[in-house]
C-alpha atoms as a PDB file:
ATOM      1  CA  UNK A   1      50.988  37.920   9.183  1.00  0.00           C
ATOM      2  CA  UNK A   2      53.309  35.275  10.660  1.00  0.00           C
ATOM      3  CA  UNK A   3      51.577  31.907  11.003  1.00  0.00           C
ATOM      4  CA  UNK A   4      52.513  30.355  14.363  1.00  0.00           C
ATOM      5  CA  UNK A   5      49.251  28.437  14.651  1.00  0.00           C
ATOM      6  CA  UNK A   6      48.806  25.961  11.791  1.00  0.00           C
ATOM      7  CA  UNK A   7      51.459  23.518  12.994  1.00  0.00           C
ATOM      8  CA  UNK A   8      50.716  22.063  16.425  1.00  0.00           C
ATOM      9  CA  UNK A   9      53.153  23.237  19.081  1.00  0.00           C
ATOM     10  CA  UNK A  10      54.562  26.033  16.919  1.00  0.00           C
ATOM     11  CA  UNK A  11      55.261  29.499  18.301  1.00  0.00           C
ATOM     12  CA  UNK A  12      57.455  32.517  17.683  1.00  0.00           C
ATOM     13  CA  UNK A  13      59.837  33.057  20.619  1.00  0.00           C
ATOM     14  CA  UNK A  14      61.738  36.328  21.095  1.00  0.00           C
ATOM     15  CA  UNK A  15      64.440  35.433  23.612  1.00  0.00           C
ATOM     16  CA  UNK A  16      65.944  38.915  23.910  1.00  0.00           C
ATOM     17  CA  UNK A  17      64.298  40.287  27.098  1.00  0.00           C
ATOM     18  CA  UNK A  18      64.827  43.944  26.151  1.00  0.00           C
ATOM     19  CA  UNK A  19      61.582  45.913  25.988  1.00  0.00           C
ATOM     20  CA  UNK A  20      62.552  47.194  22.537  1.00  0.00           C
ATOM     21  CA  UNK A  21      63.259  43.720  21.129  1.00  0.00           C
ATOM     22  CA  UNK A  22      59.800  43.733  19.501  1.00  0.00           C
ATOM     23  CA  UNK A  23      58.568  46.539  17.264  1.00  0.00           C
ATOM     24  CA  UNK A  24      56.119  46.663  14.384  1.00  0.00           C
ATOM     25  CA  UNK A  25      55.840  48.321  10.992  1.00  0.00           C
ATOM     26  CA  UNK A  26      52.977  46.111   9.811  1.00  0.00           C
ATOM     27  CA  UNK A  27      51.775  42.531  10.225  1.00  0.00           C
ATOM     28  CA  UNK A  28      51.380  40.442  13.386  1.00  0.00           C
ATOM     29  CA  UNK A  29      51.613  36.903  14.755  1.00  0.00           C
ATOM     30  CA  UNK A  30      48.704  34.493  14.416  1.00  0.00           C
ATOM     31  CA  UNK A  31      49.131  31.972  17.218  1.00  0.00           C
ATOM     32  CA  UNK A  32      51.563  32.249  20.108  1.00  0.00           C
ATOM     33  CA  UNK A  33      54.122  35.040  20.432  1.00  0.00           C
ATOM     34  CA  UNK A  34      56.443  34.232  23.314  1.00  0.00           C
ATOM     35  CA  UNK A  35      58.704  36.826  24.935  1.00  0.00           C
ATOM     36  CA  UNK A  36      61.427  36.333  27.502  1.00  0.00           C
ATOM     37  CA  UNK A  37      61.060  38.965  30.219  1.00  0.00           C
ATOM     38  CA  UNK A  38      63.323  40.608  32.745  1.00  0.00           C
ATOM     39  CA  UNK A  39      62.532  43.190  35.402  1.00  0.00           C
ATOM     40  CA  UNK A  40      59.846  45.792  34.801  1.00  0.00           C
ATOM     41  CA  UNK A  41      58.457  47.697  31.834  1.00  0.00           C
ATOM     42  CA  UNK A  42      55.911  47.376  29.015  1.00  0.00           C
ATOM     43  CA  UNK A  43      56.151  44.245  26.851  1.00  0.00           C
ATOM     44  CA  UNK A  44      54.125  44.375  23.643  1.00  0.00           C
ATOM     45  CA  UNK A  45      52.615  41.342  21.961  1.00  0.00           C
ATOM     46  CA  UNK A  46      51.760  41.999  18.318  1.00  0.00           C
ATOM     47  CA  UNK A  47      49.244  39.198  17.876  1.00  0.00           C
ATOM     48  CA  UNK A  48      45.915  38.847  16.088  1.00  0.00           C
ATOM     49  CA  UNK A  49      43.752  36.702  13.858  1.00  0.00           C
ATOM     50  CA  UNK A  50      44.028  35.981  10.138  1.00  0.00           C
ATOM     51  CA  UNK A  51      41.838  39.031   9.518  1.00  0.00           C
ATOM     52  CA  UNK A  52      42.787  41.607  12.192  1.00  0.00           C
ATOM     53  CA  UNK A  53      45.669  42.911  14.289  1.00  0.00           C
ATOM     54  CA  UNK A  54      44.833  42.616  18.028  1.00  0.00           C
ATOM     55  CA  UNK A  55      47.773  43.909  20.061  1.00  0.00           C
ATOM     56  CA  UNK A  56      48.025  43.168  23.793  1.00  0.00           C
ATOM     57  CA  UNK A  57      50.615  44.643  26.173  1.00  0.00           C
ATOM     58  CA  UNK A  58      51.774  43.551  29.623  1.00  0.00           C
ATOM     59  CA  UNK A  59      53.086  46.475  31.667  1.00  0.00           C
ATOM     60  CA  UNK A  60      55.056  44.914  34.536  1.00  0.00           C
ATOM     61  CA  UNK A  61      54.850  47.176  37.585  1.00  0.00           C
ATOM     62  CA  UNK A  62      56.782  44.929  39.958  1.00  0.00           C
ATOM     63  CA  UNK A  63      59.053  42.041  38.867  1.00  0.00           C
ATOM     64  CA  UNK A  64      57.084  38.842  38.308  1.00  0.00           C
ATOM     65  CA  UNK A  65      58.494  36.293  40.736  1.00  0.00           C
ATOM     66  CA  UNK A  66      59.144  32.865  39.200  1.00  0.00           C
ATOM     67  CA  UNK A  67      58.324  33.971  35.619  1.00  0.00           C
ATOM     68  CA  UNK A  68      60.943  34.052  32.865  1.00  0.00           C
ATOM     69  CA  UNK A  69      58.743  34.260  29.770  1.00  0.00           C
ATOM     70  CA  UNK A  70      55.171  35.002  28.676  1.00  0.00           C
ATOM     71  CA  UNK A  71      53.246  33.569  25.732  1.00  0.00           C
ATOM     72  CA  UNK A  72      50.313  35.490  24.248  1.00  0.00           C
ATOM     73  CA  UNK A  73      47.825  34.841  21.458  1.00  0.00           C
ATOM     74  CA  UNK A  74      44.471  36.083  20.188  1.00  0.00           C
ATOM     75  CA  UNK A  75      41.662  33.504  20.072  1.00  0.00           C
ATOM     76  CA  UNK A  76      38.827  33.927  17.575  1.00  0.00           C
ATOM     77  CA  UNK A  77      35.470  33.023  19.142  1.00  0.00           C
ATOM     78  CA  UNK A  78      31.837  33.256  18.043  1.00  0.00           C
ATOM     79  CA  UNK A  79      29.331  35.218  20.150  1.00  0.00           C
ATOM     80  CA  UNK A  80      27.965  32.282  22.158  1.00  0.00           C
ATOM     81  CA  UNK A  81      29.612  32.827  25.530  1.00  0.00           C
ATOM     82  CA  UNK A  82      26.689  32.987  28.045  1.00  0.00           C
ATOM     83  CA  UNK A  83      28.817  34.496  30.788  1.00  0.00           C
ATOM     84  CA  UNK A  84      27.123  35.837  33.929  1.00  0.00           C
ATOM     85  CA  UNK A  85      27.507  39.540  34.582  1.00  0.00           C
ATOM     86  CA  UNK A  86      30.274  40.955  36.785  1.00  0.00           C
ATOM     87  CA  UNK A  87      28.944  43.760  38.992  1.00  0.00           C
ATOM     88  CA  UNK A  88      31.178  46.752  39.715  1.00  0.00           C
ATOM     89  CA  UNK A  89      29.535  49.820  41.165  1.00  0.00           C
ATOM     90  CA  UNK A  90      26.728  50.778  38.769  1.00  0.00           C
ATOM     91  CA  UNK A  91      28.168  48.701  35.907  1.00  0.00           C
ATOM     92  CA  UNK A  92      27.189  45.122  35.021  1.00  0.00           C
ATOM     93  CA  UNK A  93      30.038  43.852  32.862  1.00  0.00           C
ATOM     94  CA  UNK A  94      29.524  41.073  30.319  1.00  0.00           C
ATOM     95  CA  UNK A  95      31.908  39.774  27.670  1.00  0.00           C
ATOM     96  CA  UNK A  96      31.603  41.135  24.129  1.00  0.00           C
ATOM     97  CA  UNK A  97      32.153  38.654  21.301  1.00  0.00           C
ATOM     98  CA  UNK A  98      33.110  38.487  18.468  1.00  0.00           C
ATOM     99  CA  UNK A  99      35.803  38.797  17.343  1.00  0.00           C
ATOM    100  CA  UNK A 100      37.512  37.048  20.273  1.00  0.00           C
ATOM    101  CA  UNK A 101      39.766  37.363  23.308  1.00  0.00           C
ATOM    102  CA  UNK A 102      43.402  37.116  24.396  1.00  0.00           C
ATOM    103  CA  UNK A 103      45.307  34.467  26.311  1.00  0.00           C
ATOM    104  CA  UNK A 104      48.519  35.275  28.208  1.00  0.00           C
ATOM    105  CA  UNK A 105      50.362  32.331  29.762  1.00  0.00           C
ATOM    106  CA  UNK A 106      53.500  32.461  31.956  1.00  0.00           C
ATOM    107  CA  UNK A 107      56.014  29.620  32.052  1.00  0.00           C
ATOM    108  CA  UNK A 108      55.300  29.316  35.810  1.00  0.00           C
ATOM    109  CA  UNK A 109      52.740  30.746  38.214  1.00  0.00           C
ATOM    110  CA  UNK A 110      53.622  34.187  39.594  1.00  0.00           C
ATOM    111  CA  UNK A 111      54.908  34.119  43.167  1.00  0.00           C
ATOM    112  CA  UNK A 112      55.046  37.916  43.484  1.00  0.00           C
ATOM    113  CA  UNK A 113      54.674  41.128  41.513  1.00  0.00           C
ATOM    114  CA  UNK A 114      51.880  42.723  39.492  1.00  0.00           C
ATOM    115  CA  UNK A 115      51.202  44.001  36.000  1.00  0.00           C
ATOM    116  CA  UNK A 116      48.743  46.045  33.951  1.00  0.00           C
ATOM    117  CA  UNK A 117      46.857  44.384  31.084  1.00  0.00           C
ATOM    118  CA  UNK A 118      46.461  46.654  28.027  1.00  0.00           C
ATOM    119  CA  UNK A 119      44.359  45.698  24.974  1.00  0.00           C
ATOM    120  CA  UNK A 120      44.116  47.443  21.607  1.00  0.00           C
ATOM    121  CA  UNK A 121      40.833  45.971  20.276  1.00  0.00           C
ATOM    122  CA  UNK A 122      40.000  46.062  16.557  1.00  0.00           C
ATOM    123  CA  UNK A 123      36.593  45.156  15.112  1.00  0.00           C
ATOM    124  CA  UNK A 124      34.711  45.005  18.418  1.00  0.00           C
ATOM    125  CA  UNK A 125      31.260  46.592  18.662  1.00  0.00           C
ATOM    126  CA  UNK A 126      31.757  48.986  21.555  1.00  0.00           C
ATOM    127  CA  UNK A 127      29.574  51.665  23.153  1.00  0.00           C
ATOM    128  CA  UNK A 128      30.453  55.273  22.421  1.00  0.00           C
ATOM    129  CA  UNK A 129      30.780  55.962  26.148  1.00  0.00           C
ATOM    130  CA  UNK A 130      34.200  54.651  27.297  1.00  0.00           C
ATOM    131  CA  UNK A 131      32.818  54.236  30.836  1.00  0.00           C
ATOM    132  CA  UNK A 132      30.780  51.301  29.452  1.00  0.00           C
ATOM    133  CA  UNK A 133      33.902  49.304  28.486  1.00  0.00           C
ATOM    134  CA  UNK A 134      36.584  47.498  30.483  1.00  0.00           C
ATOM    135  CA  UNK A 135      39.128  44.682  30.254  1.00  0.00           C
ATOM    136  CA  UNK A 136      37.899  41.408  31.750  1.00  0.00           C
ATOM    137  CA  UNK A 137      39.858  38.479  33.181  1.00  0.00           C
ATOM    138  CA  UNK A 138      38.964  34.838  33.675  1.00  0.00           C
ATOM    139  CA  UNK A 139      40.010  32.845  36.765  1.00  0.00           C
ATOM    140  CA  UNK A 140      43.587  31.580  36.664  1.00  0.00           C
ATOM    141  CA  UNK A 141      42.680  27.900  36.282  1.00  0.00           C
ATOM    142  CA  UNK A 142      39.515  28.351  34.199  1.00  0.00           C
ATOM    143  CA  UNK A 143      39.221  25.955  31.233  1.00  0.00           C
ATOM    144  CA  UNK A 144      39.843  27.655  27.862  1.00  0.00           C
ATOM    145  CA  UNK A 145      36.642  29.281  26.674  1.00  0.00           C
ATOM    146  CA  UNK A 146      35.082  29.215  30.153  1.00  0.00           C
ATOM    147  CA  UNK A 147      32.094  31.535  30.652  1.00  0.00           C
ATOM    148  CA  UNK A 148      33.470  32.891  33.922  1.00  0.00           C
ATOM    149  CA  UNK A 149      34.921  36.428  33.979  1.00  0.00           C
ATOM    150  CA  UNK A 150      34.705  36.834  37.753  1.00  0.00           C
ATOM    151  CA  UNK A 151      38.404  37.737  38.173  1.00  0.00           C
ATOM    152  CA  UNK A 152      37.913  41.029  36.341  1.00  0.00           C
ATOM    153  CA  UNK A 153      37.791  42.887  39.648  1.00  0.00           C
ATOM    154  CA  UNK A 154      41.234  41.642  40.691  1.00  0.00           C
ATOM    155  CA  UNK A 155      42.509  44.458  38.481  1.00  0.00           C
ATOM    156  CA  UNK A 156      41.989  48.167  39.076  1.00  0.00           C
ATOM    157  CA  UNK A 157      39.514  49.868  36.735  1.00  0.00           C
ATOM    158  CA  UNK A 158      40.937  52.468  34.342  1.00  0.00           C
ATOM    159  CA  UNK A 159      38.665  54.492  32.043  1.00  0.00           C
ATOM    160  CA  UNK A 160      39.477  53.541  28.411  1.00  0.00           C
ATOM    161  CA  UNK A 161      40.993  56.265  26.249  1.00  0.00           C
ATOM    162  CA  UNK A 162      42.296  56.498  22.702  1.00  0.00           C
ATOM    163  CA  UNK A 163      40.949  53.076  21.760  1.00  0.00           C
ATOM    164  CA  UNK A 164      42.985  51.381  24.510  1.00  0.00           C
ATOM    165  CA  UNK A 165      41.236  49.229  27.137  1.00  0.00           C
ATOM    166  CA  UNK A 166      43.125  48.311  30.297  1.00  0.00           C
ATOM    167  CA  UNK A 167      43.064  47.311  33.947  1.00  0.00           C
ATOM    168  CA  UNK A 168      45.952  47.794  36.340  1.00  0.00           C
ATOM    169  CA  UNK A 169      47.713  45.711  38.983  1.00  0.00           C
ATOM    170  CA  UNK A 170      46.624  42.183  38.096  1.00  0.00           C
ATOM    171  CA  UNK A 171      48.224  39.525  40.361  1.00  0.00           C
ATOM    172  CA  UNK A 172      47.995  36.530  37.962  1.00  0.00           C
ATOM    173  CA  UNK A 173      47.589  35.603  34.274  1.00  0.00           C
ATOM    174  CA  UNK A 174      44.780  33.924  32.331  1.00  0.00           C
ATOM    175  CA  UNK A 175      42.462  34.914  29.463  1.00  0.00           C
ATOM    176  CA  UNK A 176      41.371  38.494  28.817  1.00  0.00           C
ATOM    177  CA  UNK A 177      38.353  39.846  26.981  1.00  0.00           C
ATOM    178  CA  UNK A 178      36.527  43.077  26.255  1.00  0.00           C
ATOM    179  CA  UNK A 179      33.580  43.553  28.634  1.00  0.00           C
ATOM    180  CA  UNK A 180      30.778  46.086  28.200  1.00  0.00           C
ATOM    181  CA  UNK A 181      27.929  47.287  30.373  1.00  0.00           C
ATOM    182  CA  UNK A 182      24.508  48.736  29.416  1.00  0.00           C
ATOM    183  CA  UNK A 183      24.958  51.222  32.252  1.00  0.00           C
ATOM    184  CA  UNK A 184      28.190  53.211  32.483  1.00  0.00           C
ATOM    185  CA  UNK A 185      30.593  53.071  35.363  1.00  0.00           C
ATOM    186  CA  UNK A 186      30.891  56.702  36.507  1.00  0.00           C
ATOM    187  CA  UNK A 187      34.271  58.319  36.132  1.00  0.00           C
ATOM    188  CA  UNK A 188      35.160  57.420  39.691  1.00  0.00           C
ATOM    189  CA  UNK A 189      38.160  59.626  40.150  1.00  0.00           C
ATOM    190  CA  UNK A 190      39.471  61.158  43.348  1.00  0.00           C
ATOM    191  CA  UNK A 191      41.407  64.402  43.146  1.00  0.00           C
ATOM    192  CA  UNK A 192      44.486  64.312  45.377  1.00  0.00           C
ATOM    193  CA  UNK A 193      46.854  67.165  46.237  1.00  0.00           C
ATOM    194  CA  UNK A 194      50.150  67.022  48.144  1.00  0.00           C
ATOM    195  CA  UNK A 195      52.079  69.973  49.559  1.00  0.00           C
ATOM    196  CA  UNK A 196      54.535  70.776  52.321  1.00  0.00           C
ATOM    197  CA  UNK A 197      52.873  72.550  55.230  1.00  0.00           C
ATOM    198  CA  UNK A 198      56.258  72.633  57.031  1.00  0.00           C
ATOM    199  CA  UNK A 199      59.829  71.689  56.029  1.00  0.00           C
ATOM    200  CA  UNK A 200      59.366  68.095  57.219  1.00  0.00           C
ATOM    201  CA  UNK A 201      55.608  67.755  56.933  1.00  0.00           C
ATOM    202  CA  UNK A 202      53.448  66.543  54.028  1.00  0.00           C
ATOM    203  CA  UNK A 203      49.839  67.715  53.929  1.00  0.00           C
ATOM    204  CA  UNK A 204      47.600  65.468  51.831  1.00  0.00           C
ATOM    205  CA  UNK A 205      44.000  66.247  50.947  1.00  0.00           C
ATOM    206  CA  UNK A 206      41.572  64.640  48.517  1.00  0.00           C
ATOM    207  CA  UNK A 207      38.051  64.972  47.158  1.00  0.00           C
ATOM    208  CA  UNK A 208      35.860  62.339  45.522  1.00  0.00           C
ATOM    209  CA  UNK A 209      34.554  63.548  42.156  1.00  0.00           C
ATOM    210  CA  UNK A 210      31.671  61.060  42.279  1.00  0.00           C
ATOM    211  CA  UNK A 211      28.396  60.916  44.224  1.00  0.00           C
ATOM    212  CA  UNK A 212      28.870  57.226  45.037  1.00  0.00           C
ATOM    213  CA  UNK A 213      29.076  56.479  48.781  1.00  0.00           C
ATOM    214  CA  UNK A 214      32.642  55.743  49.851  1.00  0.00           C
ATOM    215  CA  UNK A 215      33.044  53.681  53.030  1.00  0.00           C
ATOM    216  CA  UNK A 216      36.729  54.432  53.574  1.00  0.00           C
ATOM    217  CA  UNK A 217      39.896  55.687  51.938  1.00  0.00           C
ATOM    218  CA  UNK A 218      43.340  54.108  51.684  1.00  0.00           C
ATOM    219  CA  UNK A 219      46.314  56.427  51.306  1.00  0.00           C
ATOM    220  CA  UNK A 220      49.458  54.975  49.715  1.00  0.00           C
ATOM    221  CA  UNK A 221      52.964  56.453  49.451  1.00  0.00           C
ATOM    222  CA  UNK A 222      55.973  55.652  47.288  1.00  0.00           C
ATOM    223  CA  UNK A 223      59.616  56.690  47.635  1.00  0.00           C
ATOM    224  CA  UNK A 224      60.682  55.311  44.232  1.00  0.00           C
ATOM    225  CA  UNK A 225      58.448  57.067  41.676  1.00  0.00           C
ATOM    226  CA  UNK A 226      55.580  54.607  42.061  1.00  0.00           C
ATOM    227  CA  UNK A 227      57.537  51.395  41.591  1.00  0.00           C
ATOM    228  CA  UNK A 228      56.519  50.157  45.050  1.00  0.00           C
ATOM    229  CA  UNK A 229      53.761  51.422  47.331  1.00  0.00           C
ATOM    230  CA  UNK A 230      53.172  51.210  51.077  1.00  0.00           C
ATOM    231  CA  UNK A 231      49.871  51.697  52.850  1.00  0.00           C
ATOM    232  CA  UNK A 232      50.091  54.878  54.950  1.00  0.00           C
ATOM    233  CA  UNK A 233      46.650  54.843  56.530  1.00  0.00           C
ATOM    234  CA  UNK A 234      43.072  53.671  56.166  1.00  0.00           C
ATOM    235  CA  UNK A 235      40.637  56.405  57.123  1.00  0.00           C
ATOM    236  CA  UNK A 236      37.195  57.914  56.621  1.00  0.00           C
ATOM    237  CA  UNK A 237      38.683  61.411  56.579  1.00  0.00           C
ATOM    238  CA  UNK A 238      39.710  63.305  53.443  1.00  0.00           C
ATOM    239  CA  UNK A 239      43.030  64.701  54.661  1.00  0.00           C
ATOM    240  CA  UNK A 240      46.185  63.428  56.330  1.00  0.00           C
ATOM    241  CA  UNK A 241      49.541  64.779  57.519  1.00  0.00           C
ATOM    242  CA  UNK A 242      52.739  62.733  57.724  1.00  0.00           C
ATOM    243  CA  UNK A 243      56.413  63.280  58.423  1.00  0.00           C
ATOM    244  CA  UNK A 244      58.651  63.428  55.347  1.00  0.00           C
ATOM    245  CA  UNK A 245      62.298  64.595  55.564  1.00  0.00           C
ATOM    246  CA  UNK A 246      62.742  67.993  53.935  1.00  0.00           C
ATOM    247  CA  UNK A 247      65.139  66.652  51.293  1.00  0.00           C
ATOM    248  CA  UNK A 248      62.972  63.695  50.231  1.00  0.00           C
ATOM    249  CA  UNK A 249      60.500  63.275  47.421  1.00  0.00           C
ATOM    250  CA  UNK A 250      57.306  61.277  47.793  1.00  0.00           C
ATOM    251  CA  UNK A 251      54.521  60.118  45.503  1.00  0.00           C
ATOM    252  CA  UNK A 252      51.005  59.548  46.818  1.00  0.00           C
ATOM    253  CA  UNK A 253      47.748  58.017  45.604  1.00  0.00           C
ATOM    254  CA  UNK A 254      44.369  57.366  47.233  1.00  0.00           C
ATOM    255  CA  UNK A 255      41.923  54.514  46.829  1.00  0.00           C
ATOM    256  CA  UNK A 256      38.252  54.899  47.756  1.00  0.00           C
ATOM    257  CA  UNK A 257      36.455  51.692  48.797  1.00  0.00           C
ATOM    258  CA  UNK A 258      32.732  51.289  48.063  1.00  0.00           C
ATOM    259  CA  UNK A 259      30.389  49.000  49.987  1.00  0.00           C
ATOM    260  CA  UNK A 260      30.460  46.397  47.188  1.00  0.00           C
ATOM    261  CA  UNK A 261      34.255  46.290  47.201  1.00  0.00           C
ATOM    262  CA  UNK A 262      34.733  48.417  44.068  1.00  0.00           C
ATOM    263  CA  UNK A 263      37.704  50.785  44.219  1.00  0.00           C
ATOM    264  CA  UNK A 264      37.949  54.388  43.068  1.00  0.00           C
ATOM    265  CA  UNK A 265      41.380  55.670  42.074  1.00  0.00           C
ATOM    266  CA  UNK A 266      42.994  59.065  42.441  1.00  0.00           C
ATOM    267  CA  UNK A 267      45.687  60.767  40.455  1.00  0.00           C
ATOM    268  CA  UNK A 268      49.295  60.330  41.622  1.00  0.00           C
ATOM    269  CA  UNK A 269      50.455  63.470  43.458  1.00  0.00           C
ATOM    270  CA  UNK A 270      54.170  64.282  43.778  1.00  0.00           C
ATOM    271  CA  UNK A 271      55.639  65.923  46.878  1.00  0.00           C
ATOM    272  CA  UNK A 272      58.837  67.851  46.131  1.00  0.00           C
ATOM    273  CA  UNK A 273      61.743  68.461  48.528  1.00  0.00           C
ATOM    274  CA  UNK A 274      61.408  71.519  50.710  1.00  0.00           C
ATOM    275  CA  UNK A 275      62.605  74.634  48.871  1.00  0.00           C
ATOM    276  CA  UNK A 276      66.171  75.412  49.863  1.00  0.00           C
ATOM    277  CA  UNK A 277      67.042  71.776  50.569  1.00  0.00           C
ATOM    278  CA  UNK A 278      70.041  70.021  49.092  1.00  0.00           C
ATOM    279  CA  UNK A 279      68.933  68.128  45.974  1.00  0.00           C
ATOM    280  CA  UNK A 280      70.722  65.412  44.006  1.00  0.00           C
ATOM    281  CA  UNK A 281      70.160  65.913  40.278  1.00  0.00           C
ATOM    282  CA  UNK A 282      70.352  63.151  37.667  1.00  0.00           C
ATOM    283  CA  UNK A 283      70.870  64.036  33.996  1.00  0.00           C
ATOM    284  CA  UNK A 284      70.156  62.923  31.315  1.00  0.00           C
ATOM    285  CA  UNK A 285      67.388  60.479  32.178  1.00  0.00           C
ATOM    286  CA  UNK A 286      66.617  58.438  30.068  1.00  0.00           C
ATOM    287  CA  UNK A 287      70.143  57.884  28.769  1.00  0.00           C
ATOM    288  CA  UNK A 288      72.111  55.434  26.661  1.00  0.00           C
ATOM    289  CA  UNK A 289      75.784  56.360  27.200  1.00  0.00           C
ATOM    290  CA  UNK A 290      76.379  58.354  30.406  1.00  0.00           C
ATOM    291  CA  UNK A 291      74.601  59.834  33.415  1.00  0.00           C
ATOM    292  CA  UNK A 292      75.672  62.698  35.681  1.00  0.00           C
ATOM    293  CA  UNK A 293      74.794  62.752  39.412  1.00  0.00           C
ATOM    294  CA  UNK A 294      75.386  66.114  41.087  1.00  0.00           C
ATOM    295  CA  UNK A 295      74.654  67.964  44.332  1.00  0.00           C
ATOM    296  CA  UNK A 296      72.559  71.108  44.010  1.00  0.00           C
ATOM    297  CA  UNK A 297      72.625  73.430  46.993  1.00  0.00           C
ATOM    298  CA  UNK A 298      75.324  71.447  48.792  1.00  0.00           C
ATOM    299  CA  UNK A 299      78.915  70.299  48.611  1.00  0.00           C
ATOM    300  CA  UNK A 300      81.120  67.417  49.694  1.00  0.00           C
ATOM    301  CA  UNK A 301      81.637  63.794  48.770  1.00  0.00           C
ATOM    302  CA  UNK A 302      78.885  62.241  46.646  1.00  0.00           C
ATOM    303  CA  UNK A 303      78.427  58.450  46.674  1.00  0.00           C
ATOM    304  CA  UNK A 304      76.210  56.699  44.125  1.00  0.00           C
ATOM    305  CA  UNK A 305      75.048  53.083  43.775  1.00  0.00           C
ATOM    306  CA  UNK A 306      73.020  51.655  40.874  1.00  0.00           C
ATOM    307  CA  UNK A 307      71.154  48.310  40.800  1.00  0.00           C
ATOM    308  CA  UNK A 308      69.157  46.425  38.232  1.00  0.00           C
ATOM    309  CA  UNK A 309      65.627  45.299  39.124  1.00  0.00           C
ATOM    310  CA  UNK A 310      66.876  41.908  40.340  1.00  0.00           C
ATOM    311  CA  UNK A 311      68.887  43.638  43.081  1.00  0.00           C
ATOM    312  CA  UNK A 312      72.293  43.170  41.432  1.00  0.00           C
ATOM    313  CA  UNK A 313      74.534  46.196  41.917  1.00  0.00           C
ATOM    314  CA  UNK A 314      75.908  47.378  38.577  1.00  0.00           C
ATOM    315  CA  UNK A 315      77.727  50.558  39.652  1.00  0.00           C
ATOM    316  CA  UNK A 316      79.455  52.034  42.729  1.00  0.00           C
ATOM    317  CA  UNK A 317      80.737  55.586  42.252  1.00  0.00           C
ATOM    318  CA  UNK A 318      82.073  58.498  44.319  1.00  0.00           C
ATOM    319  CA  UNK A 319      83.328  61.993  43.624  1.00  0.00           C
ATOM    320  CA  UNK A 320      83.418  65.569  44.890  1.00  0.00           C
ATOM    321  CA  UNK A 321      79.889  66.996  44.438  1.00  0.00           C
ATOM    322  CA  UNK A 322      79.492  65.273  41.052  1.00  0.00           C
ATOM    323  CA  UNK A 323      80.074  61.885  39.452  1.00  0.00           C
ATOM    324  CA  UNK A 324      79.591  60.726  35.873  1.00  0.00           C
ATOM    325  CA  UNK A 325      78.689  57.107  35.161  1.00  0.00           C
ATOM    326  CA  UNK A 326      79.691  55.708  31.782  1.00  0.00           C
ATOM    327  CA  UNK A 327      76.990  53.108  31.158  1.00  0.00           C
ATOM    328  CA  UNK A 328      78.570  49.755  30.257  1.00  0.00           C
ATOM    329  CA  UNK A 329      77.469  48.780  26.726  1.00  0.00           C
ATOM    330  CA  UNK A 330      76.617  45.240  27.867  1.00  0.00           C
ATOM    331  CA  UNK A 331      73.878  46.438  30.212  1.00  0.00           C
ATOM    332  CA  UNK A 332      70.443  45.840  28.637  1.00  0.00           C
ATOM    333  CA  UNK A 333      67.851  48.538  28.209  1.00  0.00           C
ATOM    334  CA  UNK A 334      65.397  48.882  31.054  1.00  0.00           C
ATOM    335  CA  UNK A 335      64.750  50.522  34.391  1.00  0.00           C
ATOM    336  CA  UNK A 336      67.514  50.684  37.033  1.00  0.00           C
ATOM    337  CA  UNK A 337      67.411  51.892  40.630  1.00  0.00           C
ATOM    338  CA  UNK A 338      69.885  54.394  42.064  1.00  0.00           C
ATOM    339  CA  UNK A 339      70.731  55.694  45.519  1.00  0.00           C
ATOM    340  CA  UNK A 340      72.926  58.720  46.063  1.00  0.00           C
ATOM    341  CA  UNK A 341      74.263  60.144  49.309  1.00  0.00           C
ATOM    342  CA  UNK A 342      76.015  63.457  49.815  1.00  0.00           C
ATOM    343  CA  UNK A 343      75.653  66.894  51.357  1.00  0.00           C
ATOM    344  CA  UNK A 344      73.923  65.346  54.339  1.00  0.00           C
ATOM    345  CA  UNK A 345      71.058  63.926  52.240  1.00  0.00           C
ATOM    346  CA  UNK A 346      70.197  60.609  50.626  1.00  0.00           C
ATOM    347  CA  UNK A 347      67.999  60.283  47.554  1.00  0.00           C
ATOM    348  CA  UNK A 348      66.718  57.282  45.570  1.00  0.00           C
ATOM    349  CA  UNK A 349      65.153  57.082  42.138  1.00  0.00           C
ATOM    350  CA  UNK A 350      64.810  55.305  38.835  1.00  0.00           C
ATOM    351  CA  UNK A 351      67.107  55.519  35.836  1.00  0.00           C
ATOM    352  CA  UNK A 352      65.921  54.542  32.364  1.00  0.00           C
ATOM    353  CA  UNK A 353      68.612  53.088  30.069  1.00  0.00           C
ATOM    354  CA  UNK A 354      67.846  53.092  26.353  1.00  0.00           C
ATOM    355  CA  UNK A 355      69.528  51.193  23.552  1.00  0.00           C
END
């Protein structure tokens, strides 16, 4: 391992903000691993103790306002943390120690954005039932080693799978630990379907796959593949119809709210353009050298704009029914946003650039 802990104030800082700037064959960092960040995507932190590798990832869903770098480390701790339980549905979460927990610190407090916390725990004594495990979070200003994990519920519960423990959509950073419960949290999933009941009409319907009483549902929609979400409606019903232009795509998800504030999550359902509509195709995606934008089912002038996640426009193109963008080699890897207009339609989407 790399020792970034013995000398006070030492750390390993990767200043290249590309997602792929850190990879691992073996080994890890003991102490702080700092990474400069930019835009969205999954940043891995290969940290651990002197005896075990304890990776932690930060999957940035929306750009973190005011934050330019993150520092992460794994903290070894003995099993003496008398933390009170955190109640979520039928689960009573309590921290599991040893071998320890993670700390993720930004250079400045977030002013906007959200991220998913993803832990890869090694050496923890965990129940066989994944519904008895979750990722916990301490309050933002809690003293190091505090016995308070009350901010766990600021993230959205995700059932662990494949040895990975996570929660989604955290709004701030702090310390993270593995929490377990003697009683499992039911797989609180909601099954959502989306279809076109008319050329410009989306019919949404959902069903709770859990006997827990749901007080209300919140339906969310996205026009950019889930990068940003808007609240469509809050309802006690299990179906909804909304206007969507025939040429547009949409992505939907549903949240079920229990009486104690716990939230049940649905799958993400995709609504395709109406069959026979003019479609703008993007290929290849992901790409590293070039991307083709073309009209399918239409003709005429095609205009394309591409931005990075900070809102800076990096390309402005036009052509007859098709344009090819040669990706400048100086552009870093990451997710870019595009908007194309032609054939009487306008589409938006995400483009993944690889290096």
